[in-house]
N, C-alpha and C. Protein backbone atom coordinates (compact mmCIF):
# COMPACT_ATOMS: atom_id res chain seq x y z
N MET A 1 9.79 -24.24 -6.94
CA MET A 1 9.66 -23.58 -5.66
C MET A 1 8.39 -24.04 -4.96
N GLU A 2 8.40 -23.98 -3.65
CA GLU A 2 7.22 -24.36 -2.88
C GLU A 2 6.18 -23.25 -2.89
N ASN A 3 4.99 -23.60 -2.48
CA ASN A 3 3.92 -22.60 -2.39
C ASN A 3 4.17 -21.64 -1.25
N VAL A 4 3.83 -20.39 -1.46
CA VAL A 4 3.93 -19.35 -0.43
C VAL A 4 2.63 -18.56 -0.42
N ILE A 5 2.41 -17.79 0.62
CA ILE A 5 1.23 -16.94 0.69
C ILE A 5 1.66 -15.51 0.44
N HIS A 6 0.97 -14.86 -0.49
CA HIS A 6 1.22 -13.46 -0.82
C HIS A 6 -0.06 -12.68 -0.54
N LYS A 7 0.08 -11.38 -0.30
CA LYS A 7 -1.11 -10.56 -0.16
C LYS A 7 -1.10 -9.48 -1.23
N TYR A 8 -2.30 -9.11 -1.63
CA TYR A 8 -2.52 -8.12 -2.68
C TYR A 8 -3.45 -7.05 -2.13
N ALA A 9 -3.05 -5.81 -2.23
CA ALA A 9 -3.90 -4.70 -1.81
C ALA A 9 -4.93 -4.42 -2.91
N LEU A 10 -6.18 -4.32 -2.53
CA LEU A 10 -7.25 -4.01 -3.47
C LEU A 10 -7.77 -2.61 -3.17
N LYS A 11 -8.28 -1.96 -4.20
CA LYS A 11 -8.93 -0.66 -4.01
C LYS A 11 -10.31 -0.92 -3.43
N LEU A 12 -10.69 -0.10 -2.51
CA LEU A 12 -12.01 -0.24 -1.92
C LEU A 12 -13.00 0.57 -2.75
N ASP A 13 -13.12 0.16 -4.03
CA ASP A 13 -13.98 0.82 -5.01
C ASP A 13 -14.87 -0.22 -5.65
N PHE A 14 -16.09 0.20 -5.97
CA PHE A 14 -16.97 -0.70 -6.71
C PHE A 14 -16.46 -0.79 -8.14
N GLY A 15 -16.68 -1.92 -8.77
CA GLY A 15 -16.24 -2.12 -10.14
C GLY A 15 -15.10 -3.11 -10.23
N MET A 16 -14.64 -3.33 -11.45
CA MET A 16 -13.63 -4.35 -11.74
C MET A 16 -12.22 -3.84 -11.46
N GLN A 17 -11.40 -4.75 -10.95
CA GLN A 17 -9.97 -4.51 -10.75
C GLN A 17 -9.22 -5.70 -11.32
N ILE A 18 -8.07 -5.45 -11.90
CA ILE A 18 -7.26 -6.52 -12.48
C ILE A 18 -5.93 -6.59 -11.73
N HIS A 19 -5.55 -7.81 -11.34
CA HIS A 19 -4.27 -8.03 -10.67
C HIS A 19 -3.55 -9.18 -11.34
N LYS A 20 -2.26 -9.03 -11.52
CA LYS A 20 -1.44 -10.13 -12.06
C LYS A 20 -1.08 -11.05 -10.90
N MET A 21 -1.35 -12.34 -11.12
CA MET A 21 -1.05 -13.35 -10.12
C MET A 21 -0.49 -14.57 -10.85
N PRO A 22 0.39 -15.32 -10.20
CA PRO A 22 0.88 -16.54 -10.84
C PRO A 22 -0.27 -17.48 -11.20
N MET A 23 -0.15 -18.11 -12.35
CA MET A 23 -1.17 -19.05 -12.81
C MET A 23 -1.41 -20.10 -11.72
N GLY A 24 -2.66 -20.39 -11.45
CA GLY A 24 -3.02 -21.40 -10.47
C GLY A 24 -3.04 -20.89 -9.03
N ALA A 25 -2.84 -19.59 -8.82
CA ALA A 25 -2.88 -19.04 -7.46
C ALA A 25 -4.24 -19.34 -6.83
N GLU A 26 -4.22 -19.80 -5.59
CA GLU A 26 -5.45 -20.14 -4.87
C GLU A 26 -5.82 -18.99 -3.94
N ILE A 27 -6.97 -18.37 -4.18
CA ILE A 27 -7.44 -17.29 -3.33
C ILE A 27 -7.85 -17.88 -1.99
N LEU A 28 -7.33 -17.31 -0.91
CA LEU A 28 -7.65 -17.81 0.43
C LEU A 28 -8.77 -17.00 1.08
N THR A 29 -8.63 -15.69 1.11
CA THR A 29 -9.64 -14.83 1.71
C THR A 29 -9.32 -13.38 1.39
N ALA A 30 -10.23 -12.50 1.74
CA ALA A 30 -10.00 -11.06 1.66
C ALA A 30 -10.61 -10.45 2.92
N GLN A 31 -9.91 -9.49 3.50
CA GLN A 31 -10.36 -8.83 4.72
C GLN A 31 -9.80 -7.42 4.76
N ILE A 32 -10.33 -6.62 5.68
CA ILE A 32 -9.77 -5.32 5.95
C ILE A 32 -8.59 -5.52 6.89
N GLN A 33 -7.43 -4.98 6.52
CA GLN A 33 -6.25 -4.99 7.38
C GLN A 33 -5.86 -3.54 7.61
N GLY A 34 -6.04 -3.05 8.81
CA GLY A 34 -5.85 -1.62 9.06
C GLY A 34 -6.96 -0.87 8.36
N ASP A 35 -6.58 -0.05 7.37
CA ASP A 35 -7.60 0.66 6.58
C ASP A 35 -7.55 0.23 5.12
N GLN A 36 -6.96 -0.93 4.85
CA GLN A 36 -6.76 -1.41 3.47
C GLN A 36 -7.49 -2.74 3.27
N LEU A 37 -8.14 -2.89 2.11
CA LEU A 37 -8.71 -4.18 1.72
C LEU A 37 -7.58 -5.02 1.14
N VAL A 38 -7.41 -6.22 1.68
CA VAL A 38 -6.30 -7.09 1.28
C VAL A 38 -6.83 -8.46 0.91
N LEU A 39 -6.27 -9.04 -0.13
CA LEU A 39 -6.60 -10.39 -0.58
C LEU A 39 -5.35 -11.24 -0.39
N TRP A 40 -5.50 -12.42 0.19
CA TRP A 40 -4.37 -13.34 0.36
C TRP A 40 -4.55 -14.53 -0.59
N ALA A 41 -3.43 -14.98 -1.16
CA ALA A 41 -3.46 -16.12 -2.09
C ALA A 41 -2.25 -17.01 -1.85
N LYS A 42 -2.48 -18.31 -1.97
CA LYS A 42 -1.39 -19.29 -1.93
C LYS A 42 -0.95 -19.49 -3.36
N LEU A 43 0.36 -19.38 -3.61
CA LEU A 43 0.82 -19.43 -4.99
C LEU A 43 2.26 -19.91 -5.09
N ASN A 44 2.64 -20.22 -6.30
CA ASN A 44 4.01 -20.56 -6.65
C ASN A 44 4.54 -19.39 -7.47
N SER A 45 5.46 -18.62 -6.91
CA SER A 45 5.93 -17.41 -7.59
C SER A 45 6.80 -17.70 -8.81
N ASP A 46 7.18 -18.96 -9.03
CA ASP A 46 7.98 -19.31 -10.21
C ASP A 46 7.11 -19.55 -11.45
N VAL A 47 5.81 -19.55 -11.28
CA VAL A 47 4.88 -19.81 -12.38
C VAL A 47 4.56 -18.48 -13.07
N PRO A 48 4.39 -18.47 -14.40
CA PRO A 48 4.07 -17.21 -15.10
C PRO A 48 2.78 -16.57 -14.57
N ALA A 49 2.76 -15.25 -14.57
CA ALA A 49 1.61 -14.50 -14.08
C ALA A 49 0.55 -14.34 -15.16
N VAL A 50 -0.69 -14.30 -14.71
CA VAL A 50 -1.84 -14.05 -15.58
C VAL A 50 -2.72 -12.99 -14.92
N ASP A 51 -3.56 -12.34 -15.72
CA ASP A 51 -4.49 -11.36 -15.18
C ASP A 51 -5.65 -12.07 -14.50
N ARG A 52 -5.99 -11.62 -13.30
CA ARG A 52 -7.18 -12.09 -12.59
C ARG A 52 -8.06 -10.88 -12.35
N LYS A 53 -9.35 -11.04 -12.58
CA LYS A 53 -10.29 -9.92 -12.48
C LYS A 53 -11.16 -10.09 -11.23
N PHE A 54 -11.29 -9.00 -10.50
CA PHE A 54 -12.07 -8.99 -9.27
C PHE A 54 -13.07 -7.84 -9.31
N GLU A 55 -14.18 -8.02 -8.60
CA GLU A 55 -15.20 -6.98 -8.56
C GLU A 55 -15.76 -6.88 -7.15
N ILE A 56 -15.92 -5.66 -6.69
CA ILE A 56 -16.57 -5.39 -5.40
C ILE A 56 -18.00 -4.95 -5.70
N VAL A 57 -18.94 -5.59 -5.01
CA VAL A 57 -20.35 -5.31 -5.21
C VAL A 57 -20.97 -5.00 -3.85
N GLY A 58 -21.77 -3.96 -3.79
CA GLY A 58 -22.47 -3.62 -2.55
C GLY A 58 -23.71 -4.47 -2.38
N THR A 59 -24.15 -4.61 -1.14
CA THR A 59 -25.39 -5.32 -0.86
C THR A 59 -26.53 -4.61 -1.59
N GLY A 60 -27.35 -5.40 -2.29
CA GLY A 60 -28.48 -4.85 -3.05
C GLY A 60 -28.13 -4.51 -4.48
N GLN A 61 -26.84 -4.57 -4.86
CA GLN A 61 -26.44 -4.30 -6.24
C GLN A 61 -26.48 -5.59 -7.05
N SER A 62 -26.57 -5.43 -8.37
CA SER A 62 -26.58 -6.59 -9.27
C SER A 62 -25.22 -7.27 -9.30
N VAL A 63 -25.27 -8.58 -9.43
CA VAL A 63 -24.05 -9.39 -9.56
C VAL A 63 -24.07 -10.01 -10.94
N GLN A 64 -22.98 -9.83 -11.67
CA GLN A 64 -22.95 -10.38 -13.02
C GLN A 64 -22.78 -11.90 -12.97
N PRO A 65 -23.14 -12.58 -14.06
CA PRO A 65 -22.97 -14.04 -14.10
C PRO A 65 -21.49 -14.40 -14.17
N ASN A 66 -21.20 -15.63 -13.95
CA ASN A 66 -19.84 -16.17 -14.05
C ASN A 66 -18.87 -15.49 -13.09
N VAL A 67 -19.28 -15.45 -11.81
CA VAL A 67 -18.39 -14.93 -10.78
C VAL A 67 -18.27 -15.96 -9.66
N PHE A 68 -17.18 -15.84 -8.91
CA PHE A 68 -16.94 -16.71 -7.75
C PHE A 68 -16.84 -15.83 -6.52
N HIS A 69 -17.66 -16.09 -5.52
CA HIS A 69 -17.66 -15.29 -4.29
C HIS A 69 -16.40 -15.62 -3.48
N ILE A 70 -15.66 -14.58 -3.12
CA ILE A 70 -14.44 -14.75 -2.32
C ILE A 70 -14.74 -14.45 -0.85
N SER A 71 -15.37 -13.31 -0.59
CA SER A 71 -15.59 -12.92 0.79
C SER A 71 -16.65 -11.82 0.88
N THR A 72 -17.35 -11.80 2.02
CA THR A 72 -18.22 -10.69 2.37
C THR A 72 -17.48 -9.92 3.46
N ILE A 73 -17.40 -8.61 3.28
CA ILE A 73 -16.54 -7.79 4.13
C ILE A 73 -17.37 -6.64 4.70
N GLN A 74 -17.18 -6.38 5.98
CA GLN A 74 -17.84 -5.25 6.63
C GLN A 74 -16.81 -4.18 6.93
N SER A 75 -17.23 -2.93 6.82
CA SER A 75 -16.35 -1.85 7.23
C SER A 75 -16.11 -1.97 8.72
N MET A 76 -15.13 -1.26 9.22
CA MET A 76 -14.76 -1.38 10.63
C MET A 76 -15.95 -1.13 11.56
N SER A 77 -16.82 -0.21 11.19
CA SER A 77 -17.98 0.08 12.04
C SER A 77 -19.16 -0.84 11.73
N GLY A 78 -19.07 -1.59 10.65
CA GLY A 78 -20.14 -2.51 10.26
C GLY A 78 -21.29 -1.84 9.54
N THR A 79 -21.16 -0.55 9.23
CA THR A 79 -22.25 0.15 8.56
C THR A 79 -22.27 -0.09 7.06
N ILE A 80 -21.14 -0.49 6.50
CA ILE A 80 -21.06 -0.79 5.06
C ILE A 80 -20.65 -2.24 4.89
N VAL A 81 -21.42 -2.95 4.08
CA VAL A 81 -21.12 -4.35 3.78
C VAL A 81 -20.96 -4.48 2.28
N PHE A 82 -19.88 -5.13 1.85
CA PHE A 82 -19.68 -5.35 0.43
C PHE A 82 -19.17 -6.76 0.21
N HIS A 83 -19.17 -7.17 -1.05
CA HIS A 83 -18.88 -8.56 -1.40
C HIS A 83 -17.83 -8.57 -2.51
N LEU A 84 -16.81 -9.38 -2.34
CA LEU A 84 -15.73 -9.47 -3.32
C LEU A 84 -15.90 -10.74 -4.14
N PHE A 85 -15.91 -10.58 -5.45
CA PHE A 85 -16.05 -11.70 -6.38
C PHE A 85 -14.85 -11.73 -7.33
N GLU A 86 -14.51 -12.93 -7.78
CA GLU A 86 -13.59 -13.05 -8.92
C GLU A 86 -14.45 -13.26 -10.14
N ILE A 87 -14.15 -12.51 -11.20
CA ILE A 87 -14.87 -12.64 -12.46
C ILE A 87 -14.21 -13.77 -13.24
N LEU A 88 -14.99 -14.79 -13.54
CA LEU A 88 -14.48 -15.94 -14.28
C LEU A 88 -14.84 -15.75 -15.75
N LYS A 89 -13.91 -15.85 -16.59
CA LYS A 89 -14.05 -15.69 -18.05
C LYS A 89 -15.39 -15.26 -18.45
């Protein structure tokens, strides 16, 4: 099958979240859509799924090692800024 873009709803909570995604899924971005934090990924849905770990960190909070920055996101009013990372092994 060809690659398609899927979106995943994330909890707007600090800490780790786990989502099943097809192996090799390419994270494109994450943004607020309406009142929901959403992550978009390009993927092949015929490939077996694996667990991917994500973490939301607030500005001024510690960031653990071995993470990949996906996006910096502001609340609709811009008063809250947080950062979405993928936790790499």
